[in-house]
C-alpha atoms as a PDB file:
ATOM      1  CA  ASP A   1      -0.162   0.045   0.157  1.00  0.00           C
ATOM      2  CA  CYS A   2       3.259   2.349   0.215  1.00  0.00           C
ATOM      3  CA  PRO A   3       4.230   4.437  -2.616  1.00  0.00           C
ATOM      4  CA  GLY A   4       6.704   2.115  -4.580  1.00  0.00           C
ATOM      5  CA  LYS A   5       5.185  -1.150  -3.812  1.00  0.00           C
ATOM      6  CA  GLU A   6       3.316  -1.263  -7.153  1.00  0.00           C
ATOM      7  CA  GLY A   7       6.634  -0.412  -9.035  1.00  0.00           C
ATOM      8  CA  VAL A   8       8.318  -3.127  -7.819  1.00  0.00           C
ATOM      9  CA  GLY A   9       5.657  -5.617  -8.440  1.00  0.00           C
ATOM     10  CA  GLY A  10       5.066  -4.625 -11.841  1.00  0.00           C
ATOM     11  CA  ARG A  11       9.058  -4.699 -12.421  1.00  0.00           C
ATOM     12  CA  ARG A  12       8.816  -8.363 -11.221  1.00  0.00           C
ATOM     13  CA  ARG A  13       6.137  -9.462 -13.286  1.00  0.00           C
ATOM     14  CA  ASN A  14       8.081  -8.106 -16.391  1.00  0.00           C
ATOM     15  CA  LEU A  15      11.031 -10.121 -15.182  1.00  0.00           C
ATOM     16  CA  ALA A  16       8.850 -13.201 -15.590  1.00  0.00           C
ATOM     17  CA  LEU A  17       7.165 -12.326 -18.675  1.00  0.00           C
ATOM     18  CA  LEU A  18      10.496 -11.832 -20.129  1.00  0.00           C
ATOM     19  CA  ARG A  19      12.119 -14.905 -18.822  1.00  0.00           C
ATOM     20  CA  ASN A  20       9.281 -17.064 -20.225  1.00  0.00           C
ATOM     21  CA  LYS A  21       9.739 -15.187 -23.760  1.00  0.00           C
ATOM     22  CA  LEU A  22      13.245 -16.072 -23.777  1.00  0.00           C
ATOM     23  CA  TYR A  23      12.668 -19.723 -22.863  1.00  0.00           C
ATOM     24  CA  MET A  24      10.190 -20.515 -25.630  1.00  0.00           C
ATOM     25  CA  GLY A  25      12.263 -18.571 -27.867  1.00  0.00           C
ATOM     26  CA  GLN A  26      15.437 -20.901 -27.235  1.00  0.00           C
ATOM     27  CA  ARG A  27      13.004 -23.906 -28.003  1.00  0.00           C
ATOM     28  CA  ARG A  28      11.921 -22.729 -31.165  1.00  0.00           C
ATOM     29  CA  LYS A  29      15.373 -22.537 -32.127  1.00  0.00           C
ATOM     30  CA  THR A  30      16.540 -26.191 -30.775  1.00  0.00           C
ATOM     31  CA  GLU A  31      13.663 -28.105 -31.129  1.00  0.00           C
ATOM     32  CA  PRO A  32      12.502 -29.887 -34.403  1.00  0.00           C
ATOM     33  CA  VAL A  33       9.639 -28.210 -36.297  1.00  0.00           C
ATOM     34  CA  VAL A  34       7.078 -29.801 -38.414  1.00  0.00           C
ATOM     35  CA  GLU A  35       5.964 -27.875 -41.369  1.00  0.00           C
ATOM     36  CA  SER A  36       2.492 -26.366 -41.109  1.00  0.00           C
ATOM     37  CA  THR A  37       1.741 -26.850 -44.806  1.00  0.00           C
ATOM     38  CA  THR A  38       0.356 -30.509 -45.517  1.00  0.00           C
ATOM     39  CA  THR A  39      -1.812 -32.204 -48.060  1.00  0.00           C
ATOM     40  CA  ALA A  40      -4.022 -35.057 -47.961  1.00  0.00           C
ATOM     41  CA  GLY A  41      -1.644 -38.337 -47.268  1.00  0.00           C
ATOM     42  CA  ASP A  42       1.007 -35.916 -46.558  1.00  0.00           C
ATOM     43  CA  HIS A  43       2.569 -35.619 -42.750  1.00  0.00           C
ATOM     44  CA  GLY A  44       4.827 -33.099 -43.512  1.00  0.00           C
ATOM     45  CA  THR A  45       8.450 -32.650 -43.828  1.00  0.00           C
ATOM     46  CA  LEU A  46      10.474 -32.780 -40.662  1.00  0.00           C
ATOM     47  CA  ARG A  47      13.388 -30.349 -40.420  1.00  0.00           C
ATOM     48  CA  ARG A  48      16.755 -30.892 -38.671  1.00  0.00           C
ATOM     49  CA  SER A  49      17.482 -28.922 -36.047  1.00  0.00           C
ATOM     50  CA  GLN A  50      20.511 -26.362 -35.771  1.00  0.00           C
ATOM     51  CA  SER A  51      22.217 -28.677 -33.296  1.00  0.00           C
ATOM     52  CA  ASP A  52      21.402 -31.794 -35.025  1.00  0.00           C
ATOM     53  CA  ARG A  53      22.827 -30.703 -38.311  1.00  0.00           C
ATOM     54  CA  THR A  54      26.009 -29.322 -36.138  1.00  0.00           C
ATOM     55  CA  GLU A  55      26.620 -33.034 -34.708  1.00  0.00           C
ATOM     56  CA  TYR A  56      25.968 -34.566 -38.467  1.00  0.00           C
ATOM     57  CA  SER A  57      28.551 -32.072 -39.805  1.00  0.00           C
ATOM     58  CA  GLN A  58      31.067 -33.030 -36.893  1.00  0.00           C
ATOM     59  CA  LYS A  59      30.571 -36.619 -37.609  1.00  0.00           C
ATOM     60  CA  LEU A  60      31.023 -36.540 -41.088  1.00  0.00           C
ATOM     61  CA  GLN A  61      34.339 -34.450 -40.721  1.00  0.00           C
ATOM     62  CA  GLU A  62      35.664 -37.556 -38.515  1.00  0.00           C
ATOM     63  CA  LYS A  63      34.940 -40.159 -41.109  1.00  0.00           C
ATOM     64  CA  MET A  64      36.683 -38.291 -43.754  1.00  0.00           C
ATOM     65  CA  ALA A  65      39.672 -37.731 -42.047  1.00  0.00           C
ATOM     66  CA  PRO A  66      42.552 -40.025 -42.630  1.00  0.00           C
ATOM     67  CA  GLN A  67      43.163 -42.625 -39.772  1.00  0.00           C
ATOM     68  CA  ALA A  68      46.289 -42.360 -37.882  1.00  0.00           C
ATOM     69  CA  GLY A  69      49.255 -44.781 -39.047  1.00  0.00           C
ATOM     70  CA  SER A  70      47.718 -44.203 -42.890  1.00  0.00           C
ATOM     71  CA  SER A  71      49.852 -42.774 -45.992  1.00  0.00           C
ATOM     72  CA  SER A  72      49.719 -39.080 -46.397  1.00  0.00           C
ATOM     73  CA  PRO A  73      47.366 -37.495 -48.805  1.00  0.00           C
ATOM     74  CA  ALA A  74      50.172 -36.601 -50.926  1.00  0.00           C
ATOM     75  CA  THR A  75      51.454 -40.061 -51.411  1.00  0.00           C
ATOM     76  CA  PHE A  76      48.377 -41.361 -52.237  1.00  0.00           C
ATOM     77  CA  LEU A  77      48.083 -38.902 -55.161  1.00  0.00           C
ATOM     78  CA  GLN A  78      51.472 -39.266 -56.363  1.00  0.00           C
ATOM     79  CA  GLU A  79      50.907 -43.233 -56.387  1.00  0.00           C
ATOM     80  CA  ASP A  80      47.449 -42.616 -58.246  1.00  0.00           C
ATOM     81  CA  GLU A  81      48.940 -40.276 -61.002  1.00  0.00           C
ATOM     82  CA  GLY A  82      51.701 -42.673 -61.950  1.00  0.00           C
ATOM     83  CA  GLN A  83      49.199 -45.762 -62.129  1.00  0.00           C
ATOM     84  CA  VAL A  84      47.244 -43.468 -64.353  1.00  0.00           C
ATOM     85  CA  SER A  85      49.884 -42.396 -66.572  1.00  0.00           C
ATOM     86  CA  ARG A  86      50.889 -46.032 -67.226  1.00  0.00           C
ATOM     87  CA  ARG A  87      47.664 -47.076 -68.140  1.00  0.00           C
ATOM     88  CA  MET A  88      47.274 -44.144 -70.620  1.00  0.00           C
ATOM     89  CA  MET A  89      50.471 -45.164 -71.835  1.00  0.00           C
ATOM     90  CA  ALA A  90      49.916 -48.668 -72.257  1.00  0.00           C
ATOM     91  CA  LYS A  91      46.435 -47.823 -74.147  1.00  0.00           C
ATOM     92  CA  ARG A  92      48.086 -45.252 -76.583  1.00  0.00           C
ATOM     93  CA  VAL A  93      50.546 -48.312 -77.489  1.00  0.00           C
ATOM     94  CA  LYS A  94      47.816 -50.557 -78.319  1.00  0.00           C
ATOM     95  CA  ILE A  95      45.966 -47.930 -80.343  1.00  0.00           C
ATOM     96  CA  ILE A  96      48.537 -47.122 -82.385  1.00  0.00           C
ATOM     97  CA  ALA A  97      49.471 -51.024 -83.201  1.00  0.00           C
ATOM     98  CA  GLU A  98      45.947 -51.522 -83.806  1.00  0.00           C
ATOM     99  CA  LEU A  99      46.000 -48.115 -86.368  1.00  0.00           C
ATOM    100  CA  MET A 100      49.137 -49.812 -88.002  1.00  0.00           C
ATOM    101  CA  GLN A 101      47.584 -53.486 -88.398  1.00  0.00           C
ATOM    102  CA  THR A 102      44.452 -52.268 -89.764  1.00  0.00           C
ATOM    103  CA  GLU A 103      46.293 -49.993 -92.417  1.00  0.00           C
ATOM    104  CA  LYS A 104      48.385 -52.776 -93.365  1.00  0.00           C
ATOM    105  CA  ASP A 105      45.205 -55.210 -93.778  1.00  0.00           C
ATOM    106  CA  TYR A 106      43.508 -52.278 -95.831  1.00  0.00           C
ATOM    107  CA  ILE A 107      46.645 -52.285 -98.257  1.00  0.00           C
ATOM    108  CA  SER A 108      46.719 -55.886 -98.509  1.00  0.00           C
ATOM    109  CA  ASP A 109      42.812 -55.559 -99.793  1.00  0.00           C
ATOM    110  CA  LEU A 110      43.609 -53.102-102.090  1.00  0.00           C
ATOM    111  CA  ASP A 111      46.612 -54.982-103.468  1.00  0.00           C
ATOM    112  CA  LEU A 112      44.244 -58.111-103.711  1.00  0.00           C
ATOM    113  CA  CYS A 113      41.644 -55.957-105.702  1.00  0.00           C
ATOM    114  CA  ILE A 114      44.022 -54.272-108.147  1.00  0.00           C
ATOM    115  CA  LYS A 115      46.204 -57.616-108.943  1.00  0.00           C
ATOM    116  CA  GLU A 116      42.950 -60.198-109.060  1.00  0.00           C
ATOM    117  CA  VAL A 117      40.322 -57.878-110.348  1.00  0.00           C
ATOM    118  CA  ILE A 118      41.167 -54.786-111.915  1.00  0.00           C
ATOM    119  CA  GLN A 119      44.427 -55.715-113.990  1.00  0.00           C
ATOM    120  CA  PRO A 120      42.247 -58.981-115.351  1.00  0.00           C
ATOM    121  CA  LEU A 121      39.584 -56.747-116.415  1.00  0.00           C
ATOM    122  CA  ARG A 122      41.581 -54.533-118.170  1.00  0.00           C
ATOM    123  CA  ASN A 123      43.603 -57.134-119.990  1.00  0.00           C
ATOM    124  CA  LYS A 124      40.522 -58.292-121.267  1.00  0.00           C
ATOM    125  CA  GLN A 125      39.639 -54.964-122.805  1.00  0.00           C
ATOM    126  CA  ILE A 126      35.664 -56.241-122.523  1.00  0.00           C
ATOM    127  CA  ALA A 127      33.254 -53.698-124.648  1.00  0.00           C
ATOM    128  CA  ARG A 128      30.879 -51.658-122.580  1.00  0.00           C
ATOM    129  CA  PHE A 129      32.891 -52.535-119.251  1.00  0.00           C
ATOM    130  CA  ASP A 130      34.399 -49.040-117.755  1.00  0.00           C
ATOM    131  CA  VAL A 131      37.053 -50.312-115.399  1.00  0.00           C
ATOM    132  CA  ASP A 132      38.088 -46.942-114.546  1.00  0.00           C
ATOM    133  CA  GLY A 133      34.870 -45.652-114.214  1.00  0.00           C
ATOM    134  CA  LEU A 134      34.158 -48.732-111.800  1.00  0.00           C
ATOM    135  CA  PHE A 135      37.071 -48.538-109.666  1.00  0.00           C
ATOM    136  CA  SER A 136      37.712 -44.783-109.813  1.00  0.00           C
ATOM    137  CA  ASN A 137      41.116 -43.716-108.626  1.00  0.00           C
ATOM    138  CA  ILE A 138      41.620 -46.557-106.317  1.00  0.00           C
ATOM    139  CA  GLU A 139      45.314 -47.333-107.470  1.00  0.00           C
ATOM    140  CA  LEU A 140      45.890 -43.914-105.898  1.00  0.00           C
ATOM    141  CA  VAL A 141      43.969 -44.820-102.970  1.00  0.00           C
ATOM    142  CA  HIS A 142      46.403 -47.651-102.487  1.00  0.00           C
ATOM    143  CA  GLN A 143      49.515 -45.244-103.062  1.00  0.00           C
ATOM    144  CA  VAL A 144      48.427 -42.735-100.601  1.00  0.00           C
ATOM    145  CA  SER A 145      47.671 -45.522 -98.109  1.00  0.00           C
ATOM    146  CA  ALA A 146      51.488 -47.139 -98.591  1.00  0.00           C
ATOM    147  CA  LYS A 147      52.903 -44.039 -97.874  1.00  0.00           C
ATOM    148  CA  LEU A 148      50.717 -43.168 -94.495  1.00  0.00           C
ATOM    149  CA  LEU A 149      51.708 -46.814 -93.731  1.00  0.00           C
ATOM    150  CA  SER A 150      55.358 -46.216 -94.280  1.00  0.00           C
ATOM    151  CA  LEU A 151      55.479 -42.796 -92.022  1.00  0.00           C
ATOM    152  CA  LEU A 152      53.724 -44.566 -89.297  1.00  0.00           C
ATOM    153  CA  GLU A 153      56.474 -47.287 -89.385  1.00  0.00           C
ATOM    154  CA  GLU A 154      59.126 -44.776 -89.364  1.00  0.00           C
ATOM    155  CA  ALA A 155      57.203 -42.758 -86.447  1.00  0.00           C
ATOM    156  CA  THR A 156      57.340 -45.744 -84.228  1.00  0.00           C
ATOM    157  CA  THR A 157      60.081 -48.257 -85.157  1.00  0.00           C
ATOM    158  CA  ASP A 158      62.886 -48.088 -82.551  1.00  0.00           C
ATOM    159  CA  VAL A 159      61.138 -45.119 -80.714  1.00  0.00           C
ATOM    160  CA  GLU A 160      60.036 -45.226 -77.022  1.00  0.00           C
ATOM    161  CA  PRO A 161      56.465 -45.343 -76.843  1.00  0.00           C
ATOM    162  CA  PRO A 162      56.416 -41.751 -75.107  1.00  0.00           C
ATOM    163  CA  MET A 163      58.638 -40.316 -77.733  1.00  0.00           C
ATOM    164  CA  GLN A 164      56.276 -41.875 -80.688  1.00  0.00           C
ATOM    165  CA  ILE A 165      54.333 -38.575 -82.451  1.00  0.00           C
ATOM    166  CA  ILE A 166      51.622 -40.101 -84.439  1.00  0.00           C
ATOM    167  CA  GLY A 167      49.811 -36.605 -84.857  1.00  0.00           C
ATOM    168  CA  GLU A 168      52.745 -35.254 -87.064  1.00  0.00           C
ATOM    169  CA  VAL A 169      52.440 -38.073 -89.626  1.00  0.00           C
ATOM    170  CA  PHE A 170      48.501 -37.134 -90.187  1.00  0.00           C
ATOM    171  CA  LEU A 171      49.249 -33.517 -90.436  1.00  0.00           C
ATOM    172  CA  GLN A 172      52.340 -34.296 -92.954  1.00  0.00           C
ATOM    173  CA  ILE A 173      49.906 -36.429 -94.948  1.00  0.00           C
ATOM    174  CA  LYS A 174      46.487 -34.497 -94.651  1.00  0.00           C
ATOM    175  CA  GLY A 175      46.590 -32.675 -98.361  1.00  0.00           C
ATOM    176  CA  PRO A 176      47.247 -36.194-100.200  1.00  0.00           C
ATOM    177  CA  LEU A 177      44.852 -37.864 -98.279  1.00  0.00           C
ATOM    178  CA  GLU A 178      42.026 -35.235 -98.526  1.00  0.00           C
ATOM    179  CA  ASP A 179      42.856 -34.826-102.201  1.00  0.00           C
ATOM    180  CA  THR A 180      42.543 -38.686-103.230  1.00  0.00           C
ATOM    181  CA  TYR A 181      39.494 -39.584-101.087  1.00  0.00           C
ATOM    182  CA  LYS A 182      37.652 -36.443-102.244  1.00  0.00           C
ATOM    183  CA  ILE A 183      37.831 -37.842-105.913  1.00  0.00           C
ATOM    184  CA  TYR A 184      37.135 -41.463-104.576  1.00  0.00           C
ATOM    185  CA  CYS A 185      34.052 -40.205-102.681  1.00  0.00           C
ATOM    186  CA  TYR A 186      32.781 -38.053-105.103  1.00  0.00           C
ATOM    187  CA  ARG A 187      32.684 -40.761-107.781  1.00  0.00           C
ATOM    188  CA  HIS A 188      31.363 -43.590-105.341  1.00  0.00           C
ATOM    189  CA  ASP A 189      27.763 -43.442-106.163  1.00  0.00           C
ATOM    190  CA  ASP A 190      28.414 -43.426-109.686  1.00  0.00           C
ATOM    191  CA  ALA A 191      30.563 -46.186-109.454  1.00  0.00           C
ATOM    192  CA  HIS A 192      27.893 -48.311-107.560  1.00  0.00           C
ATOM    193  CA  THR A 193      25.305 -47.396-109.898  1.00  0.00           C
ATOM    194  CA  MET A 194      27.609 -48.531-112.711  1.00  0.00           C
ATOM    195  CA  LEU A 195      28.110 -51.953-110.784  1.00  0.00           C
ATOM    196  CA  GLU A 196      24.262 -52.141-110.317  1.00  0.00           C
ATOM    197  CA  SER A 197      23.625 -52.364-114.279  1.00  0.00           C
ATOM    198  CA  TYR A 198      26.819 -54.291-115.066  1.00  0.00           C
ATOM    199  CA  GLU A 199      25.223 -57.214-112.654  1.00  0.00           C
ATOM    200  CA  LYS A 200      22.112 -57.124-114.924  1.00  0.00           C
ATOM    201  CA  ASP A 201      23.942 -58.016-117.775  1.00  0.00           C
ATOM    202  CA  GLU A 202      24.476 -61.809-118.017  1.00  0.00           C
ATOM    203  CA  GLU A 203      27.931 -61.668-119.999  1.00  0.00           C
ATOM    204  CA  LEU A 204      29.548 -58.869-117.735  1.00  0.00           C
ATOM    205  CA  LYS A 205      28.360 -60.771-114.260  1.00  0.00           C
ATOM    206  CA  GLN A 206      30.090 -63.582-115.646  1.00  0.00           C
ATOM    207  CA  HIS A 207      33.416 -61.659-115.913  1.00  0.00           C
ATOM    208  CA  LEU A 208      33.131 -60.321-112.524  1.00  0.00           C
ATOM    209  CA  ARG A 209      31.958 -63.610-110.705  1.00  0.00           C
ATOM    210  CA  HIS A 210      35.161 -64.779-112.330  1.00  0.00           C
ATOM    211  CA  CYS A 211      37.246 -62.128-110.545  1.00  0.00           C
ATOM    212  CA  VAL A 212      35.276 -62.940-107.166  1.00  0.00           C
ATOM    213  CA  GLN A 213      36.214 -66.569-107.678  1.00  0.00           C
ATOM    214  CA  SER A 214      39.896 -65.714-108.035  1.00  0.00           C
ATOM    215  CA  LEU A 215      39.637 -63.606-104.899  1.00  0.00           C
ATOM    216  CA  LYS A 216      38.301 -66.579-102.828  1.00  0.00           C
END
């Protein structure tokens, strides 16, 4: 009843309210919260609290940390780089060898075609049979291919794998390859049409069949 008591009581009530607000605010920061927006059949999404996320981050860092007694990351990196380098070099050597073998097989096929098909047909001088039109510039294709193989062999014979420079070979022969195959590809469709017409002629067809038997 004396002056000042009401003021002291009011301050106490204010302090109590303030403590309650601080307590509720702390709970909202640390406790899980369920999303308020849900749809039928959906129970909402549970969000991790800040403390849960911190604990998860710490455990993840512990798992990723190197164990005691293990090799250093630098050692692992050096070993891994060495293995990758050796594997890539072995693959490169294999590809170069396969490239050269493919070129040898291709030249062998061209040799057979020229010796067993083109030359005999030319020697027969068959009327209505255009040998040059049918086979285009295949003999020039053979020459360019033989030159390419020769350059590849020169670049790889008695040369250590890391020092074998194959790209320069293709750059060196790029012009002749382009000029030769440009003609061959340009005439290819006409040659195919010509072959179809020859196969309809029984006499010409017999000559072609004889060449095929010779190849076999």
